[in-house]
């Protein structure tokens, strides 16, 4: 039960972090709920839980009344069930890819904020971390990360290897992605998800890492953003496993030990919802040794 409460808390935080400050028309419920709801084990019948949690009240149609009672709700299971069943109700009847109205978005924000408050004492969730030496294109995980350039259409190193192994389908996916971006290119530190072409994984998450100068030009922050944003994209698709290469440590020149510490610190600080396993897939054995030593140092401190 503690694990369930922790997962609910993490999911509430995820919703608020990702969607509280975006316009309603950018919130697609299918993307931000997905399989996560089902993994939590709550009833998913349309409408079930709403009347039980809020007797006699059509809460979605009465935000003012909902604001008045939200602070009195103390049953985590009922509130979570109400949220998830409302998601099912909207996605069942929606004709616009489950996009929500401003009124519905406000309801979800209020409900998730209360859910996060009720579960704030839950023990934090953590992913397991594994370090291997190998070819990232062969891994049977939900998502692999591509250390891309801002062009997002392939390049050298692991970027080129991933594109070669994935085939033309990945290039075509990336081409559509780039065409839809405001500047027709990616930004350093951001992460962009595509399908995986002929790779065994489901998704490729492309992240342009920073070019290392002297460590005084936001390189640590940008590198941390790469890892965190990749984790967020994976969570949006309810991935349970993800593999990272060593981002920016090749021709971009980031010192390997510093980069590894940033990667590990960022992943260990992340609160997962669906993710259970992170793999650092190193091309060189020496890089794997660096990751393993840092992970062992952290275990000794704990």
Foldseek 3Di string as FASTA:
>chain_A
DLVLLQLLLQLLVLCCVPPVPDALQPDQLCLSPPCLLVVSPADQAAPPLQCVQPPPDPCLVCVPVCVVCLVVRQDLNSLSNRLRNPQSNQCVPDPPNRRDDPSNSSVSNSSSVSSNVNSVPRDFDAAAEAEDEDQQLADQFQEEEDQDAFLQQADDDNRPVQDVQQDVVSNVQSQVVLVPDPVSTHDQLAWDWDARHNGNHGIYIYHHAAQDDPPPPCNLVSLLSNLLNVLSSCLSNLTAEYEYEQHCVPPSPDPLLSSLVSNVVSRRPRGGNRYHYYYYHYNDPVSSVSNVVVVVVVVVVD
